[in-house]
Amino acid sequence: MTLGPAVVQHHLPKVLLLWKCVFPVFPKDLETERSLGDAFTWQVTLEGRASALCAIKSFISHCSGLLTD
C-alpha cells in the first residue's frame, strides 16, 4: 500500500477479494463460526482479520485517491 496508487491500482481487485473473504458476510455465518474450531483456528482467523484491517488502514492512508462510493 505504501508504494502508492499507481502500483496498488493494478492489484486492487485481488486485494478487495482477499478482504471480502476474511470477514463473515452474514451474521448467521458469524454465529456458526463461533461454535467451530479450536484455539489454533481462532488464532489464525483473528490474525487474518487483524492483518486485513491493517491493510485497509494503510490503503486509506496511502491510496485515498482510489476510494470511490
N, C-alpha and C. Protein backbone atom coordinates (compact mmCIF):
# COMPACT_ATOMS: atom_id res chain seq x y z
N MET A 1 0.81 -1.19 0.00
CA MET A 1 0.00 0.00 0.00
C MET A 1 0.86 1.26 0.00
N THR A 2 2.02 1.18 0.62
CA THR A 2 2.85 2.37 0.71
C THR A 2 3.53 2.73 -0.60
N LEU A 3 3.44 1.86 -1.59
CA LEU A 3 4.02 2.17 -2.90
C LEU A 3 3.16 3.16 -3.68
N GLY A 4 1.94 3.35 -3.23
CA GLY A 4 1.08 4.36 -3.82
C GLY A 4 0.04 3.83 -4.78
N PRO A 5 -0.86 4.70 -5.19
CA PRO A 5 -2.00 4.31 -6.02
C PRO A 5 -1.62 3.70 -7.37
N ALA A 6 -0.51 4.15 -7.97
CA ALA A 6 -0.13 3.64 -9.28
C ALA A 6 0.14 2.14 -9.24
N VAL A 7 0.75 1.66 -8.16
CA VAL A 7 1.05 0.24 -8.01
C VAL A 7 -0.16 -0.52 -7.49
N VAL A 8 -0.82 0.03 -6.51
CA VAL A 8 -1.94 -0.66 -5.86
C VAL A 8 -3.11 -0.84 -6.81
N GLN A 9 -3.34 0.10 -7.69
CA GLN A 9 -4.48 0.03 -8.61
C GLN A 9 -4.46 -1.26 -9.42
N HIS A 10 -3.28 -1.69 -9.82
CA HIS A 10 -3.16 -2.92 -10.60
C HIS A 10 -3.58 -4.16 -9.80
N HIS A 11 -3.32 -4.14 -8.51
CA HIS A 11 -3.60 -5.30 -7.65
C HIS A 11 -4.91 -5.17 -6.86
N LEU A 12 -5.59 -4.08 -7.00
CA LEU A 12 -6.77 -3.79 -6.18
C LEU A 12 -7.87 -4.85 -6.27
N PRO A 13 -8.22 -5.38 -7.45
CA PRO A 13 -9.27 -6.41 -7.48
C PRO A 13 -8.95 -7.63 -6.62
N LYS A 14 -7.70 -8.07 -6.63
CA LYS A 14 -7.31 -9.23 -5.81
C LYS A 14 -7.33 -8.88 -4.33
N VAL A 15 -6.88 -7.69 -4.01
CA VAL A 15 -6.86 -7.25 -2.61
C VAL A 15 -8.28 -7.15 -2.06
N LEU A 16 -9.18 -6.58 -2.84
CA LEU A 16 -10.57 -6.47 -2.40
C LEU A 16 -11.19 -7.84 -2.18
N LEU A 17 -10.87 -8.80 -3.04
CA LEU A 17 -11.38 -10.16 -2.87
C LEU A 17 -10.84 -10.78 -1.58
N LEU A 18 -9.57 -10.56 -1.30
CA LEU A 18 -9.00 -11.08 -0.05
C LEU A 18 -9.68 -10.47 1.17
N TRP A 19 -9.91 -9.16 1.13
CA TRP A 19 -10.58 -8.50 2.25
C TRP A 19 -11.99 -9.03 2.41
N LYS A 20 -12.67 -9.28 1.31
CA LYS A 20 -14.04 -9.77 1.37
C LYS A 20 -14.10 -11.18 1.96
N CYS A 21 -13.11 -12.00 1.64
CA CYS A 21 -13.12 -13.39 2.10
C CYS A 21 -12.74 -13.56 3.57
N VAL A 22 -12.04 -12.60 4.14
CA VAL A 22 -11.55 -12.77 5.51
C VAL A 22 -12.62 -12.47 6.56
N PHE A 23 -13.65 -11.71 6.21
CA PHE A 23 -14.70 -11.37 7.15
C PHE A 23 -15.99 -12.11 6.81
N PRO A 24 -16.77 -12.53 7.82
CA PRO A 24 -18.05 -13.20 7.53
C PRO A 24 -19.02 -12.21 6.89
N VAL A 25 -19.80 -12.73 5.93
CA VAL A 25 -20.71 -11.88 5.17
C VAL A 25 -22.01 -11.65 5.93
N PHE A 26 -22.53 -12.70 6.53
CA PHE A 26 -23.82 -12.63 7.21
C PHE A 26 -23.66 -12.90 8.70
N PRO A 27 -24.54 -12.32 9.53
CA PRO A 27 -24.47 -12.59 10.97
C PRO A 27 -24.60 -14.09 11.29
N LYS A 28 -25.36 -14.81 10.48
CA LYS A 28 -25.50 -16.25 10.69
C LYS A 28 -24.15 -16.96 10.53
N ASP A 29 -23.34 -16.49 9.58
CA ASP A 29 -22.01 -17.07 9.39
C ASP A 29 -21.14 -16.85 10.62
N LEU A 30 -21.27 -15.71 11.23
CA LEU A 30 -20.51 -15.41 12.44
C LEU A 30 -20.92 -16.33 13.58
N GLU A 31 -22.22 -16.55 13.73
CA GLU A 31 -22.70 -17.45 14.78
C GLU A 31 -22.20 -18.87 14.57
N THR A 32 -22.22 -19.33 13.33
CA THR A 32 -21.71 -20.67 13.01
C THR A 32 -20.22 -20.76 13.30
N GLU A 33 -19.51 -19.71 12.95
CA GLU A 33 -18.07 -19.66 13.17
C GLU A 33 -17.72 -19.74 14.65
N ARG A 34 -18.53 -19.14 15.48
CA ARG A 34 -18.27 -19.14 16.93
C ARG A 34 -18.30 -20.54 17.51
N SER A 35 -19.12 -21.40 16.96
CA SER A 35 -19.26 -22.74 17.53
C SER A 35 -18.24 -23.74 16.98
N LEU A 36 -17.43 -23.31 16.01
CA LEU A 36 -16.47 -24.22 15.39
C LEU A 36 -15.04 -23.84 15.74
N GLY A 37 -14.16 -24.79 15.61
CA GLY A 37 -12.74 -24.52 15.72
C GLY A 37 -12.16 -24.61 17.11
N ASP A 38 -10.86 -24.77 17.13
CA ASP A 38 -10.13 -24.81 18.39
C ASP A 38 -9.33 -23.52 18.54
N ALA A 39 -8.48 -23.47 19.53
CA ALA A 39 -7.73 -22.24 19.81
C ALA A 39 -6.83 -21.85 18.64
N PHE A 40 -6.20 -22.83 18.00
CA PHE A 40 -5.32 -22.52 16.88
C PHE A 40 -6.11 -21.93 15.71
N THR A 41 -7.26 -22.50 15.42
CA THR A 41 -8.11 -21.99 14.34
C THR A 41 -8.51 -20.56 14.61
N TRP A 42 -8.87 -20.27 15.85
CA TRP A 42 -9.26 -18.90 16.21
C TRP A 42 -8.08 -17.95 16.11
N GLN A 43 -6.90 -18.40 16.50
CA GLN A 43 -5.71 -17.56 16.41
C GLN A 43 -5.44 -17.19 14.95
N VAL A 44 -5.52 -18.17 14.06
CA VAL A 44 -5.28 -17.91 12.63
C VAL A 44 -6.35 -16.97 12.08
N THR A 45 -7.60 -17.19 12.47
CA THR A 45 -8.70 -16.35 12.00
C THR A 45 -8.52 -14.90 12.45
N LEU A 46 -8.22 -14.72 13.71
CA LEU A 46 -8.07 -13.36 14.25
C LEU A 46 -6.84 -12.65 13.68
N GLU A 47 -5.76 -13.39 13.46
CA GLU A 47 -4.58 -12.78 12.85
C GLU A 47 -4.86 -12.36 11.41
N GLY A 48 -5.62 -13.17 10.69
CA GLY A 48 -6.00 -12.81 9.32
C GLY A 48 -6.85 -11.56 9.29
N ARG A 49 -7.79 -11.45 10.20
CA ARG A 49 -8.65 -10.27 10.25
C ARG A 49 -7.90 -9.03 10.70
N ALA A 50 -7.00 -9.19 11.65
CA ALA A 50 -6.19 -8.05 12.09
C ALA A 50 -5.30 -7.56 10.95
N SER A 51 -4.74 -8.48 10.20
CA SER A 51 -3.90 -8.10 9.06
C SER A 51 -4.71 -7.38 8.00
N ALA A 52 -5.93 -7.86 7.75
CA ALA A 52 -6.79 -7.21 6.76
C ALA A 52 -7.15 -5.79 7.21
N LEU A 53 -7.44 -5.61 8.48
CA LEU A 53 -7.77 -4.28 8.99
C LEU A 53 -6.57 -3.33 8.87
N CYS A 54 -5.37 -3.84 9.13
CA CYS A 54 -4.17 -3.01 8.98
C CYS A 54 -3.95 -2.63 7.52
N ALA A 55 -4.20 -3.57 6.61
CA ALA A 55 -4.05 -3.29 5.19
C ALA A 55 -5.08 -2.26 4.74
N ILE A 56 -6.30 -2.34 5.26
CA ILE A 56 -7.34 -1.37 4.92
C ILE A 56 -6.94 0.01 5.42
N LYS A 57 -6.43 0.08 6.63
CA LYS A 57 -5.99 1.37 7.19
C LYS A 57 -4.86 1.96 6.34
N SER A 58 -3.92 1.13 5.95
CA SER A 58 -2.82 1.58 5.11
C SER A 58 -3.32 2.03 3.74
N PHE A 59 -4.29 1.31 3.19
CA PHE A 59 -4.88 1.69 1.91
C PHE A 59 -5.51 3.08 2.00
N ILE A 60 -6.25 3.32 3.06
CA ILE A 60 -6.90 4.62 3.24
C ILE A 60 -5.86 5.72 3.42
N SER A 61 -4.79 5.43 4.13
CA SER A 61 -3.76 6.44 4.38
C SER A 61 -2.96 6.79 3.13
N HIS A 62 -2.61 5.77 2.34
CA HIS A 62 -1.68 5.98 1.23
C HIS A 62 -2.33 6.03 -0.15
N CYS A 63 -3.54 5.50 -0.29
CA CYS A 63 -4.17 5.41 -1.61
C CYS A 63 -5.60 5.96 -1.59
N SER A 64 -5.82 6.99 -0.83
CA SER A 64 -7.18 7.51 -0.70
C SER A 64 -7.75 7.99 -2.02
N GLY A 65 -6.90 8.28 -3.00
CA GLY A 65 -7.38 8.69 -4.32
C GLY A 65 -8.12 7.58 -5.06
N LEU A 66 -7.93 6.33 -4.65
CA LEU A 66 -8.61 5.20 -5.29
C LEU A 66 -9.97 4.90 -4.66
N LEU A 67 -10.30 5.58 -3.56
CA LEU A 67 -11.59 5.34 -2.90
C LEU A 67 -12.74 5.91 -3.73
N THR A 68 -13.78 5.10 -3.83
CA THR A 68 -15.00 5.55 -4.52
C THR A 68 -16.20 5.19 -3.66
N ASP A 69 -17.35 5.68 -4.06
CA ASP A 69 -18.58 5.32 -3.34
C ASP A 69 -18.90 3.87 -3.60
